[in-house]
Amino acid sequence: MRQATVIGHLVAEAKHASLASRKILVLSDGDGDDAPLQLAIDAVGAGIGTHVLVSESGAAGAEATGIEYPPIRSVVVGIIDSNSGIIDSNSIIDKDSVS
C-alpha cells in the first residue's frame, strides 16, 4: 500500500462493464508538479483533496469489482484521517524513534 492525494476524477462514457458504477479517481503522490498521476477506483467514498491509502494488488481490484480478473489494479481502500508517523515513499517510521 501507499499513500496519495485525490486531485480529481475521470469521466469515461465507454469503459469495462465492471467499472460502470465505479468512480475513477485521479491521484498524485504529492512530489511536486512533475509527480506522475495515477488512476484508481474508489472503494471508500473519497473526494478531491482527500489523503488516501491505495492498494495495487489484483486481489483488491477483484474484491472491489466483484470479478476474478478485473481490468484495474489500483484501488483506494482507505482514507487517512491523521498520521502519527513520518511517511515517505518507501516506509512508515515511528516519529518517536526519529531524533
Foldseek 3Di string as FASTA:
>chain_A
DFKWFFAAWDDDPDDDPLCPPWTKTWTFRPPPPPTDIDIATEPDPDDHGWMFDKFQAQVVQCVSSVHNGHPGRIYGDGTDPDAQFDDDGPDTDRNVVDD
